[in-house]
């Protein structure tokens, strides 16, 4: 069970409706408990494919061969552009033809569809949302602008004789007509944009279904429309009319009153520019490698935090009062016991390797140097949770108020408060108000990065506390559970690494919050705290197995 969030998704058997499903029929798309499997496959065994529920939708459904009974088309003839089975490839009809493996084509098309869906959701659709907001803002300001212009007309009118009232009435009617035309132009363009936006959302919905589909035929029929969507609609600038005043009397009263400049419209072409990572991907390994596994305990307590400067001293803490130091071979080097005898909330090392830890029961942060424990920070009305040491030697602490309605980050120089970060520029809370885990790390660019598990987000502010971005996880058809961040750390290239507890993987972002990739290592589960040492080696806690894995992720 997730120690920070015990809610679990339980799949029930679709046949008996009560038992928990352990298996799944990949051909029929139904959940099955073990007792119901026999009933489900009783009609004909080869019509079903039973797999563990964790592997659901992993079996490809190939087209049936039209020429060979029981033949399954696992190839595509490049010359004839048709699906063929193994027997077809040896026939005279396809002699000397080139064949493609359908599974490889399927995977390629599915990967392309996933990339298209991610681009639509993360980049193209937000651009359209910006355009819609811009047009709505223009529309909302039209009344104010025309009100000002109407007042200008009224003021001009007051300077003329009452006999001109009728003429001014006509002038005001003309202005109203222009306003209607102005709004009509903007609203027409807004409707066109919304229609395009709807097409994108429909395409994104279809792509979401496609990326979850295991139907080969439908997947291979997919054709990308992203090139069409990348061409953003032009920006419409409706130039406001101006009142052209004529002060000299003329034969026509209308000329005396003046006239408006005609309503004109210009279109400025928008160019879609995809966001690019601020750091290169080429130094990231395609498949990260587990170098070492350190078993920290054989007892029932779970593991939570890890911190180190190098491989020689790897400090860990969990649900006991013991803070343990291991070398990379897993040999216990040292143990520190907390003052209260209760588990520490978090641990960190300063530049000199001095241990710093936080305790919730005493609301205190301690420093351990030369085997002597010293109290350095004690809170009143607030409870410390996670902490980190900055490049300048300050301590940053995430904390929540006693009634668990507010959270904040406080920076200390020694025991003196140096900075409080709690609200954004609009006065809204930056962090979720609760006692949930909020690991914290300072990036090389001095940004303050918090993994807010209660909000399901990475919240990054700059060194003065101004919000830079929130990351809530990228689009993914393979990860069914919500982004569930726990630990957070940064490396020498200012990349941000965070553990995703529910999806058993590590997300890597660039310093501007752009998703780079997942690290999804087989067997890695229940990820919690993590850190990167001075050599960019990643150390990550497995909460339930009570182990620390050393991972090489750079070339």
Protein backbone atom coordinates (compact mmCIF):
# COMPACT_ATOMS: atom_id res chain seq x y z
CA UNK A 1 0.00 0.00 0.00
CA UNK A 2 1.16 3.51 -0.82
CA UNK A 3 2.14 4.97 2.57
CA UNK A 4 1.25 8.45 1.39
CA UNK A 5 -1.99 7.61 -0.36
CA UNK A 6 -3.81 4.36 0.35
CA UNK A 7 -6.45 4.67 -2.39
CA UNK A 8 -6.18 1.75 -4.80
CA UNK A 9 -7.82 0.91 -8.13
CA UNK A 10 -9.33 -2.61 -7.87
CA UNK A 11 -10.52 -4.37 -11.04
CA UNK A 12 -13.45 -6.77 -10.57
CA UNK A 13 -14.20 -9.88 -12.61
CA UNK A 14 -16.62 -9.08 -15.46
CA UNK A 15 -18.24 -12.53 -15.16
CA UNK A 16 -18.99 -13.03 -11.47
CA UNK A 17 -18.89 -9.25 -10.72
CA UNK A 18 -17.53 -9.79 -7.19
CA UNK A 19 -14.06 -11.39 -7.17
CA UNK A 20 -10.91 -9.38 -7.79
CA UNK A 21 -9.64 -9.95 -11.33
CA UNK A 22 -6.16 -11.42 -11.65
CA UNK A 23 -6.34 -12.07 -15.40
CA UNK A 24 -7.56 -10.51 -18.61
CA UNK A 25 -8.72 -11.89 -21.99
CA UNK A 26 -6.84 -9.90 -24.58
CA UNK A 27 -9.16 -10.99 -27.40
CA UNK A 28 -12.49 -10.37 -25.64
CA UNK A 29 -11.34 -7.45 -23.45
CA UNK A 30 -12.83 -8.72 -20.17
CA UNK A 31 -11.44 -8.93 -16.64
CA UNK A 32 -11.38 -12.43 -15.16
CA UNK A 33 -10.81 -14.00 -11.77
CA UNK A 34 -9.08 -17.38 -11.79
CA UNK A 35 -12.25 -19.48 -11.12
CA UNK A 36 -14.04 -17.83 -14.08
CA UNK A 37 -11.30 -18.47 -16.66
CA UNK A 38 -12.53 -21.99 -17.41
CA UNK A 39 -16.07 -20.80 -18.06
CA UNK A 40 -14.83 -18.01 -20.32
CA UNK A 41 -12.70 -20.23 -22.57
CA UNK A 42 -15.14 -23.15 -22.60
CA UNK A 43 -16.56 -22.32 -26.05
CA UNK A 44 -13.24 -22.58 -27.90
CA UNK A 45 -9.78 -22.20 -26.40
CA UNK A 46 -8.03 -20.69 -29.42
CA UNK A 47 -10.53 -17.84 -29.52
CA UNK A 48 -9.13 -16.46 -26.27
CA UNK A 49 -5.83 -15.18 -24.96
CA UNK A 50 -5.61 -15.10 -21.15
CA UNK A 51 -2.85 -12.92 -19.68
CA UNK A 52 -2.10 -11.47 -16.22
CA UNK A 53 -4.14 -8.32 -15.69
CA UNK A 54 -0.98 -6.20 -15.56
CA UNK A 55 -0.27 -7.28 -19.16
CA UNK A 56 -3.75 -6.53 -20.51
CA UNK A 57 -3.93 -5.37 -24.14
CA UNK A 58 -0.39 -6.62 -24.72
CA UNK A 59 -1.39 -9.31 -27.25
CA UNK A 60 -1.65 -8.12 -30.84
CA UNK A 61 -4.80 -9.06 -32.75
CA UNK A 62 -3.62 -9.88 -36.28
CA UNK A 63 -5.85 -9.95 -39.39
CA UNK A 64 -7.01 -13.37 -40.56
CA UNK A 65 -5.64 -14.62 -43.86
CA UNK A 66 -8.30 -14.70 -46.60
CA UNK A 67 -6.54 -17.44 -48.55
CA UNK A 68 -5.29 -19.87 -45.91
CA UNK A 69 -7.57 -21.33 -43.26
CA UNK A 70 -6.37 -20.54 -39.74
CA UNK A 71 -3.67 -18.36 -41.28
CA UNK A 72 -2.70 -15.26 -39.33
CA UNK A 73 -1.28 -12.28 -41.23
CA UNK A 74 1.92 -11.28 -39.50
CA UNK A 75 3.53 -9.68 -42.55
CA UNK A 76 2.78 -6.99 -45.07
CA UNK A 77 3.79 -7.36 -48.71
CA UNK A 78 5.47 -4.13 -49.73
CA UNK A 79 4.97 -4.82 -53.45
CA UNK A 80 1.24 -5.62 -53.19
CA UNK A 81 0.46 -3.53 -50.10
CA UNK A 82 -1.59 -6.34 -48.53
CA UNK A 83 -1.41 -8.34 -45.30
CA UNK A 84 -0.13 -11.88 -45.77
CA UNK A 85 0.46 -14.96 -43.63
CA UNK A 86 3.55 -17.15 -43.55
CA UNK A 87 2.15 -19.45 -46.26
CA UNK A 88 1.47 -16.46 -48.53
CA UNK A 89 5.09 -15.35 -48.37
CA UNK A 90 6.15 -18.65 -49.96
CA UNK A 91 3.51 -18.57 -52.70
CA UNK A 92 4.14 -17.80 -56.37
CA UNK A 93 1.97 -14.70 -56.13
CA UNK A 94 4.47 -13.07 -53.76
CA UNK A 95 7.66 -14.57 -55.14
CA UNK A 96 10.69 -12.27 -54.66
CA UNK A 97 8.51 -9.67 -52.96
CA UNK A 98 9.62 -7.60 -49.99
CA UNK A 99 7.84 -8.25 -46.68
CA UNK A 100 7.57 -6.16 -43.54
CA UNK A 101 6.99 -7.52 -40.06
CA UNK A 102 3.54 -6.29 -39.00
CA UNK A 103 4.48 -6.13 -35.33
CA UNK A 104 7.31 -3.73 -36.14
CA UNK A 105 4.98 -1.62 -38.31
CA UNK A 106 2.34 -1.67 -35.58
CA UNK A 107 4.81 -0.54 -32.92
CA UNK A 108 6.15 2.18 -35.22
CA UNK A 109 2.69 3.52 -36.04
CA UNK A 110 1.59 3.34 -32.42
CA UNK A 111 4.70 5.19 -31.28
CA UNK A 112 4.06 7.86 -33.92
CA UNK A 113 0.44 8.15 -32.78
CA UNK A 114 1.57 8.56 -29.17
CA UNK A 115 4.02 11.29 -30.21
CA UNK A 116 1.29 13.05 -32.19
CA UNK A 117 -1.10 12.85 -29.25
CA UNK A 118 1.54 14.23 -26.90
CA UNK A 119 2.34 17.10 -29.29
CA UNK A 120 -1.35 17.92 -29.68
CA UNK A 121 -2.04 17.87 -25.94
CA UNK A 122 1.14 19.46 -24.64
CA UNK A 123 1.98 21.99 -27.36
CA UNK A 124 -0.54 22.57 -30.17
CA UNK A 125 -3.76 22.57 -28.12
CA UNK A 126 -2.33 24.98 -25.49
CA UNK A 127 -1.44 27.36 -28.35
CA UNK A 128 -5.04 27.32 -29.51
CA UNK A 129 -6.19 27.90 -25.95
CA UNK A 130 -3.91 30.95 -25.81
CA UNK A 131 -5.42 32.24 -29.06
CA UNK A 132 -8.96 31.71 -27.76
CA UNK A 133 -8.14 33.56 -24.53
CA UNK A 134 -6.60 36.39 -26.55
CA UNK A 135 -9.71 36.72 -28.70
CA UNK A 136 -11.99 36.54 -25.67
CA UNK A 137 -9.91 39.28 -24.08
CA UNK A 138 -10.32 41.43 -27.20
CA UNK A 139 -14.06 40.84 -27.16
CA UNK A 140 -14.33 41.66 -23.46
CA UNK A 141 -12.50 44.96 -24.05
CA UNK A 142 -14.63 46.03 -27.02
CA UNK A 143 -17.39 47.46 -24.81
CA UNK A 144 -14.96 49.60 -22.82
CA UNK A 145 -13.24 50.91 -25.94
CA UNK A 146 -16.51 51.75 -27.62
CA UNK A 147 -17.81 53.31 -24.44
CA UNK A 148 -14.82 55.65 -24.46
CA UNK A 149 -15.44 56.44 -28.10
CA UNK A 150 -19.13 57.05 -27.41
CA UNK A 151 -18.21 59.53 -24.66
CA UNK A 152 -15.93 61.29 -27.12
CA UNK A 153 -18.84 61.57 -29.51
CA UNK A 154 -21.09 62.89 -26.74
CA UNK A 155 -18.54 65.50 -25.70
CA UNK A 156 -18.20 66.66 -29.27
CA UNK A 157 -21.96 66.77 -29.55
CA UNK A 158 -22.32 69.05 -26.51
CA UNK A 159 -20.18 71.66 -28.24
CA UNK A 160 -22.63 71.93 -31.12
CA UNK A 161 -26.05 73.50 -31.34
CA UNK A 162 -29.14 71.56 -30.25
CA UNK A 163 -30.34 71.59 -33.80
CA UNK A 164 -27.64 69.05 -34.52
CA UNK A 165 -29.13 66.46 -32.13
CA UNK A 166 -30.67 64.46 -34.93
CA UNK A 167 -27.37 64.33 -36.79
CA UNK A 168 -25.57 63.13 -33.71
CA UNK A 169 -28.21 60.48 -33.22
CA UNK A 170 -27.44 59.19 -36.68
CA UNK A 171 -23.75 59.26 -35.86
CA UNK A 172 -24.28 57.18 -32.73
CA UNK A 173 -26.32 54.66 -34.68
CA UNK A 174 -23.50 54.37 -37.16
CA UNK A 175 -21.08 53.70 -34.32
CA UNK A 176 -23.33 50.95 -32.99
CA UNK A 177 -23.41 49.34 -36.42
CA UNK A 178 -19.62 49.46 -36.62
CA UNK A 179 -19.40 47.94 -33.17
CA UNK A 180 -21.72 45.10 -34.25
CA UNK A 181 -19.52 44.54 -37.28
CA UNK A 182 -16.40 44.65 -35.08
CA UNK A 183 -17.84 42.05 -32.73
CA UNK A 184 -19.07 40.01 -35.68
CA UNK A 185 -15.56 39.86 -37.13
CA UNK A 186 -14.00 38.82 -33.84
CA UNK A 187 -16.73 36.33 -32.98
CA UNK A 188 -16.59 34.83 -36.47
CA UNK A 189 -12.84 34.35 -36.08
CA UNK A 190 -13.36 32.98 -32.56
CA UNK A 191 -15.89 30.44 -33.85
CA UNK A 192 -13.45 29.37 -36.56
CA UNK A 193 -10.73 28.94 -33.97
CA UNK A 194 -13.06 26.99 -31.66
CA UNK A 195 -14.03 24.76 -34.59
CA UNK A 196 -10.35 24.03 -35.28
CA UNK A 197 -9.83 23.50 -31.57
CA UNK A 198 -12.73 21.05 -31.51
CA UNK A 199 -11.18 19.17 -34.44
CA UNK A 200 -7.94 18.89 -32.51
CA UNK A 201 -9.73 17.64 -29.38
CA UNK A 202 -11.63 15.10 -31.50
CA UNK A 203 -8.39 13.99 -33.12
CA UNK A 204 -6.73 13.78 -29.70
CA UNK A 205 -9.62 11.66 -28.40
CA UNK A 206 -9.31 9.37 -31.42
CA UNK A 207 -5.56 9.13 -30.89
CA UNK A 208 -6.10 8.27 -27.23
CA UNK A 209 -8.32 5.38 -28.30
CA UNK A 210 -5.85 4.41 -31.00
CA UNK A 211 -2.86 4.35 -28.63
CA UNK A 212 -4.81 2.00 -26.36
CA UNK A 213 -6.00 -0.16 -29.26
CA UNK A 214 -4.46 -3.48 -30.13
CA UNK A 215 -6.26 -3.63 -33.48
CA UNK A 216 -3.57 -3.76 -36.16
CA UNK A 217 -5.78 -2.76 -39.06
CA UNK A 218 -7.14 0.39 -37.41
CA UNK A 219 -3.68 1.39 -36.18
CA UNK A 220 -2.08 0.99 -39.61
CA UNK A 221 -4.85 3.09 -41.15
CA UNK A 222 -3.84 6.02 -38.93
CA UNK A 223 -2.62 9.10 -40.78
CA UNK A 224 -1.23 12.07 -38.93
CA UNK A 225 -2.99 15.43 -39.16
CA UNK A 226 -0.48 17.30 -37.03
CA UNK A 227 1.06 19.08 -40.04
CA UNK A 228 -2.37 20.58 -40.73
CA UNK A 229 -2.83 21.56 -37.08
CA UNK A 230 0.63 23.09 -36.81
CA UNK A 231 -0.45 25.82 -39.21
CA UNK A 232 -1.91 28.20 -36.69
CA UNK A 233 -4.73 30.54 -37.69
CA UNK A 234 -3.75 34.14 -38.49
CA UNK A 235 -4.02 36.76 -35.79
CA UNK A 236 -6.88 39.15 -36.47
CA UNK A 237 -6.30 42.79 -35.59
CA UNK A 238 -9.44 44.88 -35.95
CA UNK A 239 -8.35 48.50 -36.03
CA UNK A 240 -10.64 50.71 -34.00
CA UNK A 241 -12.41 53.49 -35.87
CA UNK A 242 -11.49 57.07 -35.09
CA UNK A 243 -13.79 60.02 -34.85
CA UNK A 244 -12.72 62.50 -37.50
CA UNK A 245 -13.86 65.87 -36.26
CA UNK A 246 -14.72 68.70 -38.61
CA UNK A 247 -15.08 71.99 -36.82
CA UNK A 248 -15.97 74.27 -39.75
CA UNK A 249 -19.56 74.69 -40.88
CA UNK A 250 -20.41 73.23 -44.20
CA UNK A 251 -23.54 72.85 -46.21
CA UNK A 252 -24.31 69.45 -44.78
CA UNK A 253 -24.83 69.08 -41.03
CA UNK A 254 -23.46 65.54 -41.32
CA UNK A 255 -20.17 66.93 -42.47
CA UNK A 256 -20.18 69.41 -39.61
CA UNK A 257 -20.57 66.66 -37.01
CA UNK A 258 -17.74 64.55 -38.36
CA UNK A 259 -17.35 60.89 -39.25
CA UNK A 260 -15.64 57.70 -38.12
CA UNK A 261 -12.72 56.15 -39.80
CA UNK A 262 -13.77 52.89 -41.47
CA UNK A 263 -13.42 49.64 -39.54
CA UNK A 264 -10.41 47.81 -40.91
CA UNK A 265 -9.12 44.31 -40.27
CA UNK A 266 -5.61 42.92 -40.66
CA UNK A 267 -4.39 39.35 -40.28
CA UNK A 268 -0.94 38.62 -38.87
CA UNK A 269 0.33 35.12 -39.62
CA UNK A 270 1.14 33.00 -36.59
CA UNK A 271 3.93 30.43 -36.81
CA UNK A 272 3.85 27.35 -34.62
CA UNK A 273 7.14 26.83 -32.84
CA UNK A 274 7.49 23.63 -30.85
CA UNK A 275 9.22 23.88 -27.49
CA UNK A 276 12.61 22.24 -27.52
CA UNK A 277 14.54 20.89 -24.54
CA UNK A 278 17.10 23.30 -23.11
CA UNK A 279 19.56 20.41 -22.77
CA UNK A 280 20.45 17.72 -25.26
CA UNK A 281 19.01 14.23 -24.92
CA UNK A 282 22.03 12.53 -26.44
CA UNK A 283 23.80 12.08 -23.09
CA UNK A 284 20.84 10.18 -21.59
CA UNK A 285 21.05 6.40 -21.84
CA UNK A 286 18.20 4.75 -23.76
CA UNK A 287 18.13 2.04 -21.12
CA UNK A 288 19.40 3.02 -17.65
CA UNK A 289 21.47 0.42 -15.84
CA UNK A 290 21.20 -0.68 -12.20
CA UNK A 291 24.77 -0.77 -10.91
CA UNK A 292 24.23 -1.75 -7.29
CA UNK A 293 21.47 -2.76 -4.89
CA UNK A 294 21.79 -1.88 -1.20
CA UNK A 295 19.55 -3.72 1.27
CA UNK A 296 18.99 -1.32 4.15
CA UNK A 297 16.81 -3.44 6.43
CA UNK A 298 15.21 -6.85 6.88
CA UNK A 299 12.54 -5.55 9.23
CA UNK A 300 8.99 -4.34 8.49
CA UNK A 301 9.84 -0.64 8.33
CA UNK A 302 9.57 1.09 4.95
CA UNK A 303 12.38 3.11 3.35
CA UNK A 304 11.76 6.76 2.51
CA UNK A 305 14.84 8.96 2.02
CA UNK A 306 18.36 8.72 0.61
CA UNK A 307 21.14 11.31 0.36
CA UNK A 308 24.83 11.18 -0.53
CA UNK A 309 27.71 13.16 -1.99
CA UNK A 310 29.48 10.10 -3.42
CA UNK A 311 29.41 6.29 -3.39
CA UNK A 312 31.39 5.99 -0.16
CA UNK A 313 28.70 7.27 2.21
CA UNK A 314 25.08 6.66 1.25
CA UNK A 315 22.71 7.78 4.02
CA UNK A 316 19.19 6.37 4.31
CA UNK A 317 16.18 6.77 6.60
CA UNK A 318 12.77 5.19 6.92
CA UNK A 319 10.17 4.36 9.51
CA UNK A 320 12.56 3.81 12.43
CA UNK A 321 14.70 6.16 14.50
CA UNK A 322 17.87 4.90 12.76
CA UNK A 323 19.60 6.96 10.09
CA UNK A 324 21.97 4.50 8.41
CA UNK A 325 25.10 5.04 6.33
CA UNK A 326 26.20 2.40 3.78
CA UNK A 327 28.94 2.15 1.19
CA UNK A 328 28.05 1.20 -2.38
CA UNK A 329 28.68 -2.48 -1.62
CA UNK A 330 25.87 -2.34 0.95
CA UNK A 331 28.09 -2.58 4.03
CA UNK A 332 26.72 -0.63 7.01
CA UNK A 333 29.22 2.08 7.99
CA UNK A 334 27.43 4.04 10.68
CA UNK A 335 24.09 4.55 12.44
CA UNK A 336 22.66 7.75 13.93
CA UNK A 337 19.66 7.58 16.27
CA UNK A 338 17.22 10.47 16.38
CA UNK A 339 16.90 12.48 19.60
CA UNK A 340 13.21 11.64 20.07
CA UNK A 341 13.53 7.99 19.14
CA UNK A 342 10.96 8.62 16.38
CA UNK A 343 11.54 8.31 12.60
CA UNK A 344 12.98 11.41 10.90
CA UNK A 345 10.83 13.08 8.27
CA UNK A 346 13.79 13.68 5.95
CA UNK A 347 17.59 13.77 5.80
CA UNK A 348 20.12 15.89 3.91
CA UNK A 349 23.88 16.52 3.78
CA UNK A 350 25.65 19.85 3.62
CA UNK A 351 28.74 20.40 1.44
CA UNK A 352 30.99 19.02 4.17
CA UNK A 353 28.96 15.84 4.59
CA UNK A 354 27.36 16.90 7.88
CA UNK A 355 24.02 15.17 8.51
CA UNK A 356 20.89 17.33 8.87
CA UNK A 357 17.49 15.82 9.62
CA UNK A 358 13.96 16.97 10.46
CA UNK A 359 11.67 15.58 13.17
CA UNK A 360 7.92 16.08 13.22
CA UNK A 361 7.33 15.09 16.84
CA UNK A 362 9.64 17.82 18.16
CA UNK A 363 9.06 20.28 15.22
CA UNK A 364 12.84 20.52 15.06
CA UNK A 365 15.71 20.34 12.57
CA UNK A 366 18.96 18.87 13.91
CA UNK A 367 22.58 18.81 12.76
CA UNK A 368 24.90 15.90 13.61
CA UNK A 369 28.61 16.70 13.53
CA UNK A 370 31.40 14.64 15.10
CA UNK A 371 28.75 12.39 16.66
CA UNK A 372 27.22 15.39 18.47
CA UNK A 373 23.59 16.29 17.75
CA UNK A 374 22.73 19.99 17.78
CA UNK A 375 19.32 21.63 17.49
CA UNK A 376 19.46 24.36 14.82
CA UNK A 377 15.79 25.16 14.02
CA UNK A 378 12.65 24.76 16.15
CA UNK A 379 9.23 25.68 14.76
CA UNK A 380 6.10 27.00 16.48
CA UNK A 381 2.67 26.19 15.00
CA UNK A 382 4.24 24.58 11.95
CA UNK A 383 5.57 21.07 11.31
CA UNK A 384 8.71 20.49 9.22
CA UNK A 385 8.53 17.78 6.57
CA UNK A 386 11.21 17.55 3.87
CA UNK A 387 14.37 19.63 3.51
CA UNK A 388 17.44 20.28 1.37
CA UNK A 389 20.72 22.17 1.65
CA UNK A 390 21.31 24.87 -0.97
CA UNK A 391 24.52 25.65 -2.85
CA UNK A 392 25.07 28.62 -0.51
CA UNK A 393 24.73 26.44 2.60
CA UNK A 394 21.22 27.59 3.54
CA UNK A 395 18.53 25.09 4.55
CA UNK A 396 15.18 25.01 2.73
CA UNK A 397 12.31 23.28 4.53
CA UNK A 398 8.81 22.36 3.37
CA UNK A 399 6.32 22.59 6.22
CA UNK A 400 2.60 22.60 7.00
CA UNK A 401 0.59 24.47 9.62
CA UNK A 402 -0.87 22.51 12.55
CA UNK A 403 -4.43 22.43 11.12
CA UNK A 404 -3.01 21.18 7.80
CA UNK A 405 -4.64 23.92 5.73
CA UNK A 406 -1.46 25.69 4.60
CA UNK A 407 1.98 24.70 3.36
CA UNK A 408 5.06 26.75 2.56
CA UNK A 409 8.80 26.67 1.91
CA UNK A 410 11.05 28.52 4.34
CA UNK A 411 14.74 29.24 3.75
CA UNK A 412 17.02 29.48 6.79
CA UNK A 413 20.51 30.83 7.17
CA UNK A 414 21.53 29.08 10.35
CA UNK A 415 18.47 29.50 12.56
CA UNK A 416 17.39 32.79 10.94
CA UNK A 417 14.49 32.92 8.49
CA UNK A 418 15.79 34.28 5.22
CA UNK A 419 12.85 33.72 2.84
CA UNK A 420 9.25 32.44 2.89
CA UNK A 421 7.63 31.08 -0.27
CA UNK A 422 3.90 30.39 -0.01
CA UNK A 423 1.80 32.30 -2.58
CA UNK A 424 1.97 33.15 -6.28
CA UNK A 425 1.65 36.64 -7.77
CA UNK A 426 -2.15 36.44 -7.60
CA UNK A 427 -2.14 35.51 -3.93
CA UNK A 428 -3.02 31.86 -4.55
CA UNK A 429 -1.24 29.06 -2.62
CA UNK A 430 1.70 27.55 -4.47
CA UNK A 431 1.50 24.26 -2.57
CA UNK A 432 -1.35 22.00 -1.44
CA UNK A 433 -2.47 22.69 2.13
CA UNK A 434 -2.03 19.34 3.88
CA UNK A 435 0.54 17.15 5.61
CA UNK A 436 1.39 15.18 2.48
CA UNK A 437 4.99 14.58 1.41
CA UNK A 438 6.73 17.52 -0.28
CA UNK A 439 10.32 16.65 -1.13
CA UNK A 440 12.43 19.65 -2.12
CA UNK A 441 15.62 20.28 -4.11
CA UNK A 442 17.54 23.31 -5.37
CA UNK A 443 18.52 23.28 -9.06
CA UNK A 444 21.80 24.53 -10.52
CA UNK A 445 20.01 27.64 -11.82
CA UNK A 446 18.87 28.28 -8.20
CA UNK A 447 15.25 27.33 -8.92
CA UNK A 448 13.43 25.75 -5.97
CA UNK A 449 11.78 22.47 -6.99
CA UNK A 450 9.09 20.85 -4.83
CA UNK A 451 7.44 17.47 -5.48
CA UNK A 452 3.96 18.19 -4.09
CA UNK A 453 2.43 14.72 -3.69
CA UNK A 454 -0.85 16.19 -2.43
CA UNK A 455 -1.29 18.18 -5.65
CA UNK A 456 0.20 15.53 -7.95
CA UNK A 457 2.57 18.16 -9.33
CA UNK A 458 6.13 19.41 -9.48
CA UNK A 459 6.08 23.09 -8.48
CA UNK A 460 9.12 25.13 -9.52
CA UNK A 461 9.75 28.73 -8.49
CA UNK A 462 12.78 30.91 -9.15
CA UNK A 463 15.16 32.07 -6.43
CA UNK A 464 12.89 35.00 -5.49
CA UNK A 465 9.85 32.72 -5.19
CA UNK A 466 8.11 33.56 -8.47
CA UNK A 467 6.30 30.60 -10.05
CA UNK A 468 8.06 29.33 -13.17
CA UNK A 469 5.99 26.25 -14.00
CA UNK A 470 3.95 23.33 -12.73
CA UNK A 471 4.46 19.84 -14.13
CA UNK A 472 1.65 17.31 -13.72
CA UNK A 473 2.95 14.54 -15.98
CA UNK A 474 2.84 14.10 -19.78
CA UNK A 475 0.22 12.36 -21.89
CA UNK A 476 0.72 8.59 -21.77
CA UNK A 477 -1.38 5.68 -22.96
CA UNK A 478 0.78 3.16 -21.11
CA UNK A 479 0.43 4.66 -17.63
CA UNK A 480 -3.11 4.39 -16.37
CA UNK A 481 -2.60 5.98 -12.95
CA UNK A 482 -2.26 9.65 -12.10
CA UNK A 483 1.17 11.19 -11.70
CA UNK A 484 2.17 10.54 -8.08
CA UNK A 485 5.45 12.35 -7.32
CA UNK A 486 7.55 11.51 -4.28
CA UNK A 487 11.29 12.26 -4.27
CA UNK A 488 12.93 14.98 -6.36
CA UNK A 489 16.53 15.82 -7.26
CA UNK A 490 18.54 17.62 -9.95
CA UNK A 491 21.74 16.81 -11.81
CA UNK A 492 24.76 18.70 -13.17
CA UNK A 493 22.85 19.72 -16.33
CA UNK A 494 19.97 21.19 -14.30
CA UNK A 495 17.69 18.34 -15.29
CA UNK A 496 14.94 17.55 -12.78
CA UNK A 497 14.38 13.91 -11.78
CA UNK A 498 11.32 12.84 -9.79
CA UNK A 499 10.02 9.44 -8.70
CA UNK A 500 6.45 8.46 -9.66
CA UNK A 501 5.21 6.11 -6.93
CA UNK A 502 2.03 4.83 -8.57
CA UNK A 503 3.55 4.27 -12.04
CA UNK A 504 6.87 2.83 -10.79
CA UNK A 505 9.05 5.07 -12.94
CA UNK A 506 11.24 8.18 -12.89
CA UNK A 507 10.35 11.32 -14.88
CA UNK A 508 13.16 13.49 -16.28
CA UNK A 509 12.46 17.15 -17.16
CA UNK A 510 14.68 19.92 -18.42
CA UNK A 511 15.11 23.03 -16.27
CA UNK A 512 12.14 24.70 -18.00
CA UNK A 513 9.73 21.88 -17.19
CA UNK A 514 9.77 20.19 -20.59
CA UNK A 515 9.33 16.42 -20.29
CA UNK A 516 12.35 14.56 -21.67
CA UNK A 517 11.59 10.90 -20.97
CA UNK A 518 10.72 8.21 -18.47
CA UNK A 519 13.17 5.84 -16.81
CA UNK A 520 11.13 2.67 -16.59
CA UNK A 521 13.36 -0.15 -15.33
CA UNK A 522 11.95 -3.66 -15.03
CA UNK A 523 11.54 -4.66 -11.40
CA UNK A 524 11.82 -1.11 -10.04
CA UNK A 525 8.76 -0.44 -7.85
CA UNK A 526 7.32 1.75 -5.08
CA UNK A 527 9.83 4.55 -5.67
CA UNK A 528 10.27 7.17 -2.97
CA UNK A 529 13.22 9.42 -2.13
CA UNK A 530 16.07 9.84 -4.60
CA UNK A 531 19.28 11.82 -5.01
CA UNK A 532 22.10 12.39 -7.49
CA UNK A 533 25.70 12.37 -6.24
CA UNK A 534 28.56 14.60 -7.40
CA UNK A 535 29.24 12.18 -10.27
CA UNK A 536 25.65 12.20 -11.56
CA UNK A 537 24.94 8.71 -10.26
CA UNK A 538 21.30 8.29 -9.30
CA UNK A 539 20.29 6.64 -6.02
CA UNK A 540 16.61 5.81 -5.52
CA UNK A 541 14.68 4.24 -2.61
CA UNK A 542 12.31 1.36 -3.12
CA UNK A 543 9.82 1.93 -0.32
CA UNK A 544 8.52 -1.59 0.24
CA UNK A 545 11.63 -3.64 -0.59
CA UNK A 546 13.73 -1.39 1.70
CA UNK A 547 16.51 -1.21 -0.90
CA UNK A 548 18.47 1.58 -2.55
CA UNK A 549 19.29 1.15 -6.23
CA UNK A 550 22.31 2.89 -7.76
CA UNK A 551 21.43 3.71 -11.38
CA UNK A 552 23.59 4.87 -14.26
CA UNK A 553 21.45 6.97 -16.62
CA UNK A 554 24.07 9.05 -18.47
CA UNK A 555 26.38 7.93 -21.25
